[in-house]
Amino acid sequence: MNNTLGILAVILASILWGTTGTVASFAPSLSPLLIGSLAMGVGGILPIPVMLLTRTALFD
């Protein structure tokens, strides 16, 4: 189960990372710095709920 969750997290991260340029091309009024910052912010915050949900399974 933990391997599957890790694989899915990597796939989701690569999809989000790969679509940053596409989003930037469809939103010319937003600066590339803002789009990159949002992508990194979401990528940094998204693992927190996953960590909290799987914490008991890892340390029990």
N, C-alpha and C. Protein backbone atom coordinates (compact mmCIF):
# COMPACT_ATOMS: atom_id res chain seq x y z
N MET A 1 0.83 -1.20 0.00
CA MET A 1 0.00 0.00 0.00
C MET A 1 0.86 1.26 0.00
N ASN A 2 1.92 1.29 0.81
CA ASN A 2 2.76 2.48 0.87
C ASN A 2 3.50 2.72 -0.44
N ASN A 3 3.90 1.64 -1.12
CA ASN A 3 4.56 1.80 -2.41
C ASN A 3 3.62 2.40 -3.44
N THR A 4 2.37 1.97 -3.43
CA THR A 4 1.39 2.49 -4.37
C THR A 4 1.14 3.97 -4.13
N LEU A 5 1.04 4.37 -2.88
CA LEU A 5 0.82 5.78 -2.55
C LEU A 5 2.00 6.63 -3.00
N GLY A 6 3.20 6.12 -2.81
CA GLY A 6 4.39 6.85 -3.24
C GLY A 6 4.46 7.00 -4.74
N ILE A 7 4.13 5.93 -5.45
CA ILE A 7 4.14 5.98 -6.92
C ILE A 7 3.10 6.97 -7.43
N LEU A 8 1.91 6.96 -6.83
CA LEU A 8 0.87 7.90 -7.24
C LEU A 8 1.27 9.34 -6.94
N ALA A 9 1.96 9.57 -5.83
CA ALA A 9 2.41 10.92 -5.48
C ALA A 9 3.44 11.42 -6.50
N VAL A 10 4.34 10.56 -6.93
CA VAL A 10 5.34 10.96 -7.93
C VAL A 10 4.68 11.25 -9.26
N ILE A 11 3.71 10.44 -9.66
CA ILE A 11 3.00 10.68 -10.92
C ILE A 11 2.24 11.99 -10.87
N LEU A 12 1.56 12.25 -9.77
CA LEU A 12 0.82 13.52 -9.62
C LEU A 12 1.76 14.71 -9.65
N ALA A 13 2.89 14.60 -8.97
CA ALA A 13 3.86 15.69 -8.96
C ALA A 13 4.40 15.96 -10.35
N SER A 14 4.69 14.90 -11.12
CA SER A 14 5.22 15.12 -12.46
C SER A 14 4.17 15.71 -13.39
N ILE A 15 2.92 15.33 -13.22
CA ILE A 15 1.86 15.94 -14.04
C ILE A 15 1.73 17.42 -13.72
N LEU A 16 1.72 17.76 -12.43
CA LEU A 16 1.61 19.16 -12.04
C LEU A 16 2.82 19.97 -12.51
N TRP A 17 4.01 19.39 -12.39
CA TRP A 17 5.21 20.09 -12.82
C TRP A 17 5.20 20.30 -14.34
N GLY A 18 4.76 19.32 -15.06
CA GLY A 18 4.75 19.40 -16.52
C GLY A 18 3.71 20.35 -17.07
N THR A 19 2.68 20.64 -16.32
CA THR A 19 1.63 21.53 -16.82
C THR A 19 1.85 22.99 -16.44
N THR A 20 2.92 23.30 -15.73
CA THR A 20 3.17 24.69 -15.33
C THR A 20 3.36 25.59 -16.55
N GLY A 21 4.11 25.14 -17.53
CA GLY A 21 4.31 25.94 -18.74
C GLY A 21 3.03 26.12 -19.54
N THR A 22 2.20 25.09 -19.57
CA THR A 22 0.92 25.18 -20.27
C THR A 22 0.02 26.21 -19.61
N VAL A 23 -0.03 26.18 -18.30
CA VAL A 23 -0.82 27.17 -17.57
C VAL A 23 -0.30 28.57 -17.85
N ALA A 24 1.01 28.72 -17.87
CA ALA A 24 1.61 30.03 -18.13
C ALA A 24 1.25 30.54 -19.52
N SER A 25 1.16 29.65 -20.50
CA SER A 25 0.82 30.10 -21.85
C SER A 25 -0.65 30.48 -21.98
N PHE A 26 -1.52 29.89 -21.17
CA PHE A 26 -2.94 30.22 -21.23
C PHE A 26 -3.31 31.39 -20.31
N ALA A 27 -2.39 31.81 -19.47
CA ALA A 27 -2.65 32.93 -18.56
C ALA A 27 -1.57 33.98 -18.74
N PRO A 28 -1.57 34.68 -19.88
CA PRO A 28 -0.49 35.64 -20.14
C PRO A 28 -0.51 36.84 -19.20
N SER A 29 -1.62 37.10 -18.56
CA SER A 29 -1.67 38.25 -17.65
C SER A 29 -0.98 37.98 -16.32
N LEU A 30 -0.74 36.69 -16.01
CA LEU A 30 -0.04 36.34 -14.78
C LEU A 30 1.44 36.20 -15.05
N SER A 31 2.24 36.62 -14.10
CA SER A 31 3.68 36.53 -14.31
C SER A 31 4.15 35.08 -14.13
N PRO A 32 5.19 34.70 -14.84
CA PRO A 32 5.73 33.34 -14.68
C PRO A 32 6.21 33.07 -13.25
N LEU A 33 6.68 34.11 -12.58
CA LEU A 33 7.11 33.97 -11.20
C LEU A 33 5.94 33.58 -10.30
N LEU A 34 4.79 34.19 -10.51
CA LEU A 34 3.61 33.86 -9.73
C LEU A 34 3.17 32.42 -9.99
N ILE A 35 3.14 32.02 -11.24
CA ILE A 35 2.72 30.66 -11.57
C ILE A 35 3.68 29.63 -10.98
N GLY A 36 4.97 29.89 -11.09
CA GLY A 36 5.96 28.99 -10.50
C GLY A 36 5.86 28.94 -8.99
N SER A 37 5.61 30.08 -8.37
CA SER A 37 5.46 30.13 -6.91
C SER A 37 4.24 29.35 -6.45
N LEU A 38 3.15 29.49 -7.18
CA LEU A 38 1.94 28.73 -6.83
C LEU A 38 2.17 27.23 -6.98
N ALA A 39 2.86 26.84 -8.04
CA ALA A 39 3.13 25.42 -8.25
C ALA A 39 4.01 24.86 -7.13
N MET A 40 5.02 25.62 -6.75
CA MET A 40 5.90 25.15 -5.67
C MET A 40 5.18 25.18 -4.32
N GLY A 41 4.33 26.16 -4.12
CA GLY A 41 3.57 26.23 -2.87
C GLY A 41 2.62 25.06 -2.72
N VAL A 42 1.89 24.75 -3.79
CA VAL A 42 0.98 23.61 -3.76
C VAL A 42 1.77 22.31 -3.59
N GLY A 43 2.89 22.22 -4.29
CA GLY A 43 3.73 21.03 -4.16
C GLY A 43 4.33 20.87 -2.78
N GLY A 44 4.53 21.96 -2.08
CA GLY A 44 5.06 21.88 -0.72
C GLY A 44 4.00 21.60 0.33
N ILE A 45 2.78 22.06 0.08
CA ILE A 45 1.71 21.90 1.07
C ILE A 45 0.95 20.59 0.87
N LEU A 46 0.85 20.12 -0.36
CA LEU A 46 0.08 18.91 -0.66
C LEU A 46 0.54 17.67 0.12
N PRO A 47 1.83 17.46 0.38
CA PRO A 47 2.22 16.25 1.11
C PRO A 47 1.81 16.24 2.58
N ILE A 48 1.46 17.38 3.14
CA ILE A 48 1.12 17.43 4.57
C ILE A 48 -0.08 16.56 4.91
N PRO A 49 -1.22 16.65 4.21
CA PRO A 49 -2.33 15.76 4.54
C PRO A 49 -1.99 14.28 4.34
N VAL A 50 -1.21 14.00 3.31
CA VAL A 50 -0.81 12.60 3.08
C VAL A 50 0.03 12.11 4.24
N MET A 51 0.95 12.95 4.71
CA MET A 51 1.79 12.58 5.84
C MET A 51 0.95 12.35 7.10
N LEU A 52 -0.01 13.23 7.33
CA LEU A 52 -0.84 13.10 8.53
C LEU A 52 -1.73 11.86 8.46
N LEU A 53 -2.20 11.52 7.28
CA LEU A 53 -3.06 10.34 7.15
C LEU A 53 -2.28 9.03 7.26
N THR A 54 -1.03 9.04 6.82
CA THR A 54 -0.26 7.80 6.85
C THR A 54 0.69 7.71 8.03
N ARG A 55 0.72 8.71 8.88
CA ARG A 55 1.65 8.74 10.01
C ARG A 55 1.43 7.56 10.95
N THR A 56 0.20 7.28 11.28
CA THR A 56 -0.07 6.19 12.23
C THR A 56 0.30 4.83 11.64
N ALA A 57 0.11 4.67 10.34
CA ALA A 57 0.46 3.40 9.71
C ALA A 57 1.97 3.18 9.69
N LEU A 58 2.73 4.25 9.61
CA LEU A 58 4.18 4.13 9.53
C LEU A 58 4.82 3.90 10.90
N PHE A 59 4.26 4.49 11.95
CA PHE A 59 4.93 4.46 13.24
C PHE A 59 4.24 3.59 14.29
N ASP A 60 3.21 2.89 13.91
CA ASP A 60 2.57 1.98 14.88
C ASP A 60 3.12 0.59 14.80
